């Protein structure tokens, strides 16, 4: 009887060891995924920001010329002060709308989406025990066959 308990203890300790090894591997893989995804997100965001910075001077110069031309054209009907005020108001409304659009886009972007999804799946798998099926040997059979007679014979 002592030998059987040793084998059971070795089996349990081996299972615990394998479980700990698997959990350690899972955590390591999640960290690697997070690191790779963060590096990818930073690289993509950096390239987008660099492109924006490169094109901003051209946009500003062109925008200035368009505003000056529009103000000169409107000055024939509104005068210079009215034309400049109208163009300024149009710029304020357009700029505020564009900034709000950019802020909403920034809020909608999910950083490290794959990592958080995989981590959620792992946490759910580790915290939710498998549903235990009720053990019923008579399930699906004719129960009347196995019923004990009322007089015990």
N, C-alpha and C. Protein backbone atom coordinates (compact mmCIF):
# COMPACT_ATOMS: atom_id res chain seq x y z
N UNK A 1 0.82 -1.19 0.00
CA UNK A 1 0.00 0.00 0.00
C UNK A 1 0.87 1.26 0.00
N UNK A 2 2.01 1.16 0.63
CA UNK A 2 2.94 2.29 0.68
C UNK A 2 3.49 2.59 -0.72
N UNK A 3 3.75 1.54 -1.52
CA UNK A 3 4.30 1.72 -2.86
C UNK A 3 3.29 2.43 -3.76
N UNK A 4 2.03 2.11 -3.64
CA UNK A 4 1.00 2.76 -4.44
C UNK A 4 0.91 4.24 -4.14
N UNK A 5 1.05 4.60 -2.87
CA UNK A 5 0.97 6.01 -2.52
C UNK A 5 2.19 6.77 -3.04
N UNK A 6 3.35 6.11 -3.09
CA UNK A 6 4.54 6.77 -3.66
C UNK A 6 4.35 7.05 -5.14
N UNK A 7 3.78 6.06 -5.84
CA UNK A 7 3.54 6.26 -7.27
C UNK A 7 2.52 7.38 -7.48
N UNK A 8 1.49 7.42 -6.62
CA UNK A 8 0.49 8.48 -6.75
C UNK A 8 1.12 9.83 -6.47
N UNK A 9 2.00 9.89 -5.44
CA UNK A 9 2.66 11.17 -5.13
C UNK A 9 3.56 11.61 -6.27
N UNK A 10 4.30 10.64 -6.85
CA UNK A 10 5.15 10.99 -7.98
C UNK A 10 4.30 11.45 -9.16
N UNK A 11 3.20 10.79 -9.38
CA UNK A 11 2.31 11.18 -10.47
C UNK A 11 1.74 12.58 -10.25
N UNK A 12 1.32 12.85 -9.02
CA UNK A 12 0.77 14.17 -8.70
C UNK A 12 1.85 15.23 -8.81
N UNK A 13 3.03 14.94 -8.28
CA UNK A 13 4.11 15.93 -8.34
C UNK A 13 4.55 16.15 -9.79
N UNK A 14 4.52 15.09 -10.58
CA UNK A 14 4.86 15.26 -12.00
C UNK A 14 3.81 16.12 -12.70
N UNK A 15 2.54 15.88 -12.37
CA UNK A 15 1.47 16.69 -12.96
C UNK A 15 1.58 18.15 -12.54
N UNK A 16 1.86 18.38 -11.25
CA UNK A 16 2.02 19.75 -10.77
C UNK A 16 3.22 20.42 -11.44
N UNK A 17 4.31 19.65 -11.60
CA UNK A 17 5.49 20.19 -12.27
C UNK A 17 5.21 20.54 -13.71
N UNK A 18 4.47 19.67 -14.41
CA UNK A 18 4.13 19.96 -15.80
C UNK A 18 3.18 21.16 -15.89
N UNK A 19 2.26 21.25 -14.94
CA UNK A 19 1.35 22.39 -14.94
C UNK A 19 2.10 23.70 -14.70
N UNK A 20 3.04 23.68 -13.75
CA UNK A 20 3.84 24.88 -13.48
C UNK A 20 4.69 25.24 -14.70
N UNK A 21 5.25 24.22 -15.36
CA UNK A 21 6.05 24.48 -16.55
C UNK A 21 5.18 25.06 -17.67
N UNK A 22 4.00 24.51 -17.85
CA UNK A 22 3.09 25.02 -18.86
C UNK A 22 2.65 26.45 -18.56
N UNK A 23 2.37 26.73 -17.29
CA UNK A 23 1.97 28.08 -16.91
C UNK A 23 3.12 29.06 -17.13
N UNK A 24 4.32 28.64 -16.79
CA UNK A 24 5.49 29.49 -17.00
C UNK A 24 5.69 29.77 -18.48
N UNK A 25 5.52 28.76 -19.31
CA UNK A 25 5.65 28.94 -20.75
C UNK A 25 4.56 29.88 -21.28
N UNK A 26 3.35 29.74 -20.75
CA UNK A 26 2.25 30.61 -21.16
C UNK A 26 2.55 32.07 -20.83
N UNK A 27 3.02 32.32 -19.63
CA UNK A 27 3.35 33.70 -19.22
C UNK A 27 4.49 34.24 -20.10
N UNK A 28 5.49 33.41 -20.36
CA UNK A 28 6.61 33.85 -21.20
C UNK A 28 6.13 34.20 -22.61
N UNK A 29 5.25 33.37 -23.15
CA UNK A 29 4.74 33.63 -24.49
C UNK A 29 3.88 34.90 -24.53
N UNK A 30 3.11 35.13 -23.48
CA UNK A 30 2.32 36.38 -23.43
C UNK A 30 3.24 37.60 -23.38
N UNK A 31 4.31 37.51 -22.62
CA UNK A 31 5.25 38.64 -22.56
C UNK A 31 5.93 38.86 -23.90
N UNK A 32 6.31 37.77 -24.58
CA UNK A 32 6.91 37.92 -25.90
C UNK A 32 5.94 38.53 -26.90
N UNK A 33 4.69 38.09 -26.86
CA UNK A 33 3.67 38.65 -27.75
C UNK A 33 3.47 40.13 -27.46
N UNK A 34 3.41 40.49 -26.19
CA UNK A 34 3.22 41.89 -25.82
C UNK A 34 4.40 42.74 -26.31
N UNK A 35 5.60 42.24 -26.14
CA UNK A 35 6.79 42.99 -26.56
C UNK A 35 6.79 43.18 -28.08
N UNK A 36 6.49 42.11 -28.83
CA UNK A 36 6.48 42.21 -30.29
C UNK A 36 5.37 43.13 -30.78
N UNK A 37 4.21 43.03 -30.17
CA UNK A 37 3.09 43.87 -30.62
C UNK A 37 3.33 45.33 -30.27
N UNK A 38 3.91 45.59 -29.11
CA UNK A 38 4.21 46.97 -28.73
C UNK A 38 5.24 47.57 -29.67
N UNK A 39 6.27 46.80 -30.02
CA UNK A 39 7.28 47.29 -30.95
C UNK A 39 6.66 47.58 -32.32
N UNK A 40 5.76 46.72 -32.76
CA UNK A 40 5.10 46.92 -34.05
C UNK A 40 4.21 48.17 -34.02
N UNK A 41 3.47 48.34 -32.93
CA UNK A 41 2.60 49.52 -32.80
C UNK A 41 3.40 50.80 -32.74
N UNK A 42 4.50 50.80 -32.01
CA UNK A 42 5.34 52.00 -31.90
C UNK A 42 5.96 52.34 -33.25
N UNK A 43 6.40 51.32 -33.98
CA UNK A 43 7.02 51.56 -35.28
C UNK A 43 6.00 52.14 -36.26
N UNK A 44 4.79 51.56 -36.30
CA UNK A 44 3.76 52.05 -37.22
C UNK A 44 3.33 53.47 -36.85
N UNK A 45 3.18 53.73 -35.57
CA UNK A 45 2.78 55.07 -35.12
C UNK A 45 3.89 56.07 -35.42
N UNK A 46 5.14 55.70 -35.20
CA UNK A 46 6.27 56.58 -35.49
C UNK A 46 6.35 56.95 -36.96
N UNK A 47 6.12 55.97 -37.84
CA UNK A 47 6.15 56.27 -39.27
C UNK A 47 5.01 57.21 -39.66
N UNK A 48 3.84 56.99 -39.09
CA UNK A 48 2.71 57.89 -39.38
C UNK A 48 2.99 59.31 -38.92
N UNK A 49 3.53 59.44 -37.73
CA UNK A 49 3.85 60.78 -37.20
C UNK A 49 4.94 61.45 -38.04
N UNK A 50 5.94 60.70 -38.47
CA UNK A 50 7.00 61.26 -39.30
C UNK A 50 6.46 61.77 -40.64
N UNK A 51 5.52 61.02 -41.22
CA UNK A 51 4.93 61.46 -42.48
C UNK A 51 4.12 62.73 -42.28
N UNK A 52 3.40 62.82 -41.19
CA UNK A 52 2.62 64.02 -40.91
C UNK A 52 3.54 65.22 -40.75
N UNK A 53 4.61 65.05 -39.99
CA UNK A 53 5.56 66.14 -39.76
C UNK A 53 6.22 66.58 -41.07
N UNK A 54 6.48 65.64 -41.95
CA UNK A 54 7.14 65.99 -43.22
C UNK A 54 6.24 66.81 -44.14
N UNK A 55 4.95 66.56 -44.08
CA UNK A 55 4.04 67.24 -45.00
C UNK A 55 3.38 68.50 -44.42
N UNK A 56 3.50 68.73 -43.14
CA UNK A 56 2.86 69.89 -42.51
C UNK A 56 3.34 71.22 -43.11
N UNK A 57 4.63 71.45 -43.36
CA UNK A 57 5.04 72.75 -43.94
C UNK A 57 4.38 73.02 -45.29
N UNK A 58 4.28 72.01 -46.15
CA UNK A 58 3.65 72.20 -47.45
C UNK A 58 2.17 72.54 -47.29
N UNK A 59 1.53 71.89 -46.35
CA UNK A 59 0.11 72.16 -46.10
C UNK A 59 -0.08 73.60 -45.62
N UNK A 60 0.77 74.03 -44.69
CA UNK A 60 0.63 75.38 -44.14
C UNK A 60 0.85 76.46 -45.19
N UNK A 61 1.86 76.30 -46.02
CA UNK A 61 2.14 77.30 -47.06
C UNK A 61 0.99 77.34 -48.07
N UNK A 62 0.56 76.20 -48.53
CA UNK A 62 -0.55 76.15 -49.49
C UNK A 62 -1.83 76.68 -48.89
N UNK A 63 -2.08 76.37 -47.64
CA UNK A 63 -3.27 76.84 -46.96
C UNK A 63 -3.25 78.36 -46.82
N UNK A 64 -2.10 78.90 -46.49
CA UNK A 64 -1.97 80.35 -46.38
C UNK A 64 -2.29 81.06 -47.69
N UNK A 65 -1.77 80.53 -48.81
CA UNK A 65 -2.05 81.14 -50.11
C UNK A 65 -3.53 81.03 -50.48
N UNK A 66 -4.15 79.91 -50.19
CA UNK A 66 -5.57 79.74 -50.51
C UNK A 66 -6.41 80.71 -49.68
N UNK A 67 -6.09 80.85 -48.39
CA UNK A 67 -6.83 81.78 -47.53
C UNK A 67 -6.67 83.22 -48.00
N UNK A 68 -5.45 83.59 -48.40
CA UNK A 68 -5.22 84.96 -48.88
C UNK A 68 -5.99 85.21 -50.17
N UNK A 69 -5.99 84.24 -51.05
CA UNK A 69 -6.73 84.41 -52.32
C UNK A 69 -8.23 84.49 -52.08
N UNK A 70 -8.74 83.67 -51.17
CA UNK A 70 -10.16 83.70 -50.86
C UNK A 70 -10.56 85.02 -50.20
N UNK A 71 -9.70 85.50 -49.29
CA UNK A 71 -9.98 86.78 -48.64
C UNK A 71 -9.96 87.92 -49.66
N UNK A 72 -9.03 87.90 -50.61
CA UNK A 72 -8.97 88.93 -51.64
C UNK A 72 -10.22 88.89 -52.50
N UNK A 73 -10.70 87.71 -52.83
CA UNK A 73 -11.89 87.58 -53.65
C UNK A 73 -13.14 88.06 -52.91
N UNK A 74 -13.25 87.70 -51.59
CA UNK A 74 -14.40 88.11 -50.80
C UNK A 74 -14.37 89.59 -50.43
N UNK A 75 -13.22 90.22 -50.49
CA UNK A 75 -13.10 91.62 -50.07
C UNK A 75 -13.90 92.56 -50.98
N UNK A 76 -14.17 92.13 -52.19
CA UNK A 76 -14.96 92.99 -53.08
C UNK A 76 -16.40 93.13 -52.57
N UNK A 77 -16.92 92.12 -51.86
CA UNK A 77 -18.30 92.19 -51.34
C UNK A 77 -18.36 92.53 -49.86
N UNK A 78 -17.38 92.03 -49.08
CA UNK A 78 -17.43 92.18 -47.62
C UNK A 78 -16.44 93.21 -47.09
N UNK A 79 -15.53 93.66 -47.89
CA UNK A 79 -14.45 94.51 -47.40
C UNK A 79 -13.37 93.59 -46.81
N UNK A 80 -12.18 94.19 -46.59
CA UNK A 80 -11.07 93.37 -46.10
C UNK A 80 -11.33 92.82 -44.71
N UNK A 81 -11.88 93.61 -43.84
CA UNK A 81 -12.10 93.12 -42.47
C UNK A 81 -13.16 92.02 -42.44
N UNK A 82 -14.22 92.16 -43.20
CA UNK A 82 -15.26 91.13 -43.25
C UNK A 82 -14.75 89.84 -43.88
N UNK A 83 -13.95 89.97 -44.94
CA UNK A 83 -13.41 88.79 -45.62
C UNK A 83 -12.44 88.04 -44.71
N UNK A 84 -11.58 88.78 -44.05
CA UNK A 84 -10.63 88.13 -43.13
C UNK A 84 -11.34 87.48 -41.94
N UNK A 85 -12.38 88.14 -41.42
CA UNK A 85 -13.14 87.55 -40.31
C UNK A 85 -13.87 86.29 -40.76
N UNK A 86 -14.45 86.32 -41.95
CA UNK A 86 -15.14 85.13 -42.47
C UNK A 86 -14.20 83.96 -42.68
N UNK A 87 -13.04 84.22 -43.24
CA UNK A 87 -12.05 83.16 -43.45
C UNK A 87 -11.54 82.64 -42.11
N UNK A 88 -11.32 83.55 -41.16
CA UNK A 88 -10.87 83.12 -39.83
C UNK A 88 -11.90 82.24 -39.14
N UNK A 89 -13.18 82.63 -39.23
CA UNK A 89 -14.25 81.83 -38.62
C UNK A 89 -14.34 80.45 -39.28
N UNK A 90 -14.24 80.42 -40.60
CA UNK A 90 -14.26 79.15 -41.31
C UNK A 90 -13.10 78.25 -40.88
N UNK A 91 -11.93 78.86 -40.68
CA UNK A 91 -10.76 78.09 -40.22
C UNK A 91 -10.96 77.56 -38.80
N UNK A 92 -11.54 78.38 -37.92
CA UNK A 92 -11.78 77.91 -36.55
C UNK A 92 -12.74 76.72 -36.52
N UNK A 93 -13.82 76.79 -37.27
CA UNK A 93 -14.79 75.70 -37.30
C UNK A 93 -14.17 74.44 -37.91
N UNK A 94 -13.48 74.61 -39.01
CA UNK A 94 -12.83 73.45 -39.65
C UNK A 94 -11.75 72.83 -38.78
N UNK A 95 -10.96 73.67 -38.13
CA UNK A 95 -9.90 73.16 -37.26
C UNK A 95 -10.45 72.43 -36.06
N UNK A 96 -11.50 72.98 -35.44
CA UNK A 96 -12.11 72.30 -34.29
C UNK A 96 -12.72 70.97 -34.70
N UNK A 97 -13.39 70.95 -35.85
CA UNK A 97 -13.96 69.67 -36.32
C UNK A 97 -12.89 68.64 -36.62
N UNK A 98 -11.82 69.07 -37.24
CA UNK A 98 -10.72 68.15 -37.54
C UNK A 98 -10.04 67.63 -36.28
N UNK A 99 -9.85 68.53 -35.31
CA UNK A 99 -9.23 68.10 -34.05
C UNK A 99 -10.12 67.11 -33.31
N UNK A 100 -11.44 67.35 -33.31
CA UNK A 100 -12.35 66.42 -32.65
C UNK A 100 -12.35 65.06 -33.36
N UNK A 101 -12.28 65.06 -34.67
CA UNK A 101 -12.21 63.82 -35.44
C UNK A 101 -10.94 63.05 -35.09
N UNK A 102 -9.81 63.76 -35.00
CA UNK A 102 -8.54 63.12 -34.67
C UNK A 102 -8.55 62.54 -33.25
N UNK A 103 -9.13 63.28 -32.31
CA UNK A 103 -9.21 62.80 -30.93
C UNK A 103 -10.08 61.55 -30.86
N UNK A 104 -11.21 61.53 -31.57
CA UNK A 104 -12.07 60.35 -31.57
C UNK A 104 -11.38 59.15 -32.20
N UNK A 105 -10.61 59.39 -33.24
CA UNK A 105 -9.84 58.29 -33.86
C UNK A 105 -8.79 57.76 -32.91
N UNK A 106 -8.16 58.66 -32.18
CA UNK A 106 -7.14 58.25 -31.23
C UNK A 106 -7.75 57.44 -30.09
N UNK A 107 -8.93 57.85 -29.64
CA UNK A 107 -9.62 57.10 -28.58
C UNK A 107 -10.04 55.72 -29.07
N UNK A 108 -10.40 55.60 -30.33
CA UNK A 108 -10.88 54.33 -30.87
C UNK A 108 -9.75 53.34 -31.11
N UNK A 109 -8.54 53.80 -31.25
CA UNK A 109 -7.41 52.90 -31.52
C UNK A 109 -7.09 52.10 -30.28
N UNK A 110 -7.03 50.79 -30.45
CA UNK A 110 -6.73 49.89 -29.34
C UNK A 110 -5.29 49.43 -29.47
N UNK A 111 -4.49 49.82 -28.53
CA UNK A 111 -3.09 49.42 -28.52
C UNK A 111 -2.99 48.01 -27.95
N UNK A 112 -2.14 47.22 -28.51
CA UNK A 112 -1.86 45.85 -28.05
C UNK A 112 -3.16 45.04 -27.97
N UNK A 113 -3.97 45.12 -29.00
CA UNK A 113 -5.27 44.45 -29.02
C UNK A 113 -5.11 42.94 -28.99
N UNK A 114 -4.18 42.39 -29.77
CA UNK A 114 -4.00 40.94 -29.80
C UNK A 114 -3.53 40.41 -28.46
N UNK A 115 -2.62 41.14 -27.82
CA UNK A 115 -2.11 40.70 -26.53
C UNK A 115 -3.21 40.69 -25.48
N UNK A 116 -4.01 41.74 -25.43
CA UNK A 116 -5.07 41.77 -24.42
C UNK A 116 -6.11 40.70 -24.69
N UNK A 117 -6.38 40.41 -25.95
CA UNK A 117 -7.35 39.37 -26.28
C UNK A 117 -6.82 37.99 -25.87
N UNK A 118 -5.57 37.70 -26.17
CA UNK A 118 -4.98 36.41 -25.80
C UNK A 118 -4.88 36.27 -24.28
N UNK A 119 -4.55 37.36 -23.61
CA UNK A 119 -4.47 37.32 -22.16
C UNK A 119 -5.85 37.06 -21.55
N UNK A 120 -6.87 37.68 -22.11
CA UNK A 120 -8.23 37.45 -21.62
C UNK A 120 -8.65 36.00 -21.82
N UNK A 121 -8.30 35.43 -22.98
CA UNK A 121 -8.62 34.02 -23.22
C UNK A 121 -7.90 33.11 -22.23
N UNK A 122 -6.65 33.41 -21.95
CA UNK A 122 -5.89 32.58 -21.01
C UNK A 122 -6.45 32.69 -19.60
N UNK A 123 -6.79 33.91 -19.19
CA UNK A 123 -7.36 34.10 -17.85
C UNK A 123 -8.69 33.37 -17.74
N UNK A 124 -9.50 33.45 -18.80
CA UNK A 124 -10.79 32.77 -18.78
C UNK A 124 -10.60 31.26 -18.72
N UNK A 125 -9.61 30.74 -19.43
CA UNK A 125 -9.37 29.30 -19.42
C UNK A 125 -8.84 28.84 -18.06
N UNK A 126 -8.05 29.69 -17.41
CA UNK A 126 -7.49 29.29 -16.12
C UNK A 126 -8.48 29.44 -14.98
N UNK A 127 -9.40 30.39 -15.07
CA UNK A 127 -10.32 30.63 -13.96
C UNK A 127 -11.60 29.81 -14.07
N UNK A 128 -12.02 29.46 -15.27
CA UNK A 128 -13.25 28.68 -15.43
C UNK A 128 -12.91 27.21 -15.46
N UNK A 129 -13.41 26.48 -14.44
CA UNK A 129 -13.20 25.04 -14.41
C UNK A 129 -14.09 24.41 -15.47
N UNK A 130 -13.64 23.29 -15.99
CA UNK A 130 -14.44 22.57 -16.97
C UNK A 130 -15.72 22.09 -16.31
N UNK A 131 -16.85 22.22 -16.97
CA UNK A 131 -18.10 21.78 -16.36
C UNK A 131 -18.07 20.28 -16.13
N UNK A 132 -18.38 19.88 -14.91
CA UNK A 132 -18.33 18.46 -14.58
C UNK A 132 -19.66 17.83 -14.96
N UNK A 133 -19.58 16.76 -15.73
CA UNK A 133 -20.79 16.06 -16.15
C UNK A 133 -21.27 15.19 -14.99
N UNK A 134 -22.56 15.16 -14.81
CA UNK A 134 -23.09 14.33 -13.73
C UNK A 134 -22.95 12.87 -14.14
N UNK A 135 -22.44 12.10 -13.22
CA UNK A 135 -22.22 10.69 -13.50
C UNK A 135 -23.52 9.96 -13.23
N UNK A 136 -24.11 9.42 -14.28
CA UNK A 136 -25.35 8.66 -14.17
C UNK A 136 -25.26 7.52 -15.16
N UNK A 137 -25.02 6.32 -14.64
CA UNK A 137 -24.84 5.17 -15.50
C UNK A 137 -26.13 4.77 -16.17
N UNK A 138 -27.26 5.18 -15.62
CA UNK A 138 -28.55 4.78 -16.16
C UNK A 138 -29.09 5.75 -17.19
N UNK A 139 -28.36 6.80 -17.44
CA UNK A 139 -28.84 7.81 -18.36
C UNK A 139 -28.94 7.22 -19.76
N UNK A 140 -30.08 7.39 -20.40
CA UNK A 140 -30.26 6.89 -21.75
C UNK A 140 -30.71 5.44 -21.80
N UNK A 141 -30.93 4.80 -20.68
CA UNK A 141 -31.39 3.42 -20.68
C UNK A 141 -32.78 3.34 -20.09
N UNK A 142 -33.36 2.16 -20.14
CA UNK A 142 -34.67 1.93 -19.55
C UNK A 142 -34.49 1.75 -18.05
N UNK A 143 -34.90 2.70 -17.26
CA UNK A 143 -34.69 2.65 -15.82
C UNK A 143 -35.57 1.61 -15.14
N UNK A 144 -36.63 1.23 -15.77
CA UNK A 144 -37.53 0.24 -15.17
C UNK A 144 -36.82 -1.12 -15.04
N UNK A 145 -35.86 -1.39 -15.92
CA UNK A 145 -35.15 -2.67 -15.84
C UNK A 145 -34.33 -2.79 -14.56
N UNK A 146 -33.82 -1.67 -14.08
CA UNK A 146 -32.92 -1.69 -12.92
C UNK A 146 -33.63 -1.30 -11.63
N UNK A 147 -34.91 -1.14 -11.66
CA UNK A 147 -35.66 -0.75 -10.48
C UNK A 147 -35.83 -1.95 -9.54
N UNK A 148 -35.61 -1.72 -8.28
CA UNK A 148 -35.74 -2.79 -7.28
C UNK A 148 -37.22 -3.02 -7.00
N UNK A 149 -37.62 -4.24 -6.95
CA UNK A 149 -39.02 -4.51 -6.64
C UNK A 149 -39.36 -4.07 -5.24
N UNK A 150 -40.63 -3.70 -4.98
CA UNK A 150 -41.02 -3.16 -3.67
C UNK A 150 -40.82 -4.16 -2.52
N UNK A 151 -40.89 -5.46 -2.75
CA UNK A 151 -40.74 -6.41 -1.66
C UNK A 151 -39.29 -6.83 -1.45
N UNK A 152 -38.34 -6.30 -2.20
CA UNK A 152 -36.92 -6.53 -1.99
C UNK A 152 -36.38 -7.77 -2.61
N UNK A 153 -37.13 -8.51 -3.47
CA UNK A 153 -36.64 -9.74 -4.10
C UNK A 153 -36.29 -9.54 -5.53
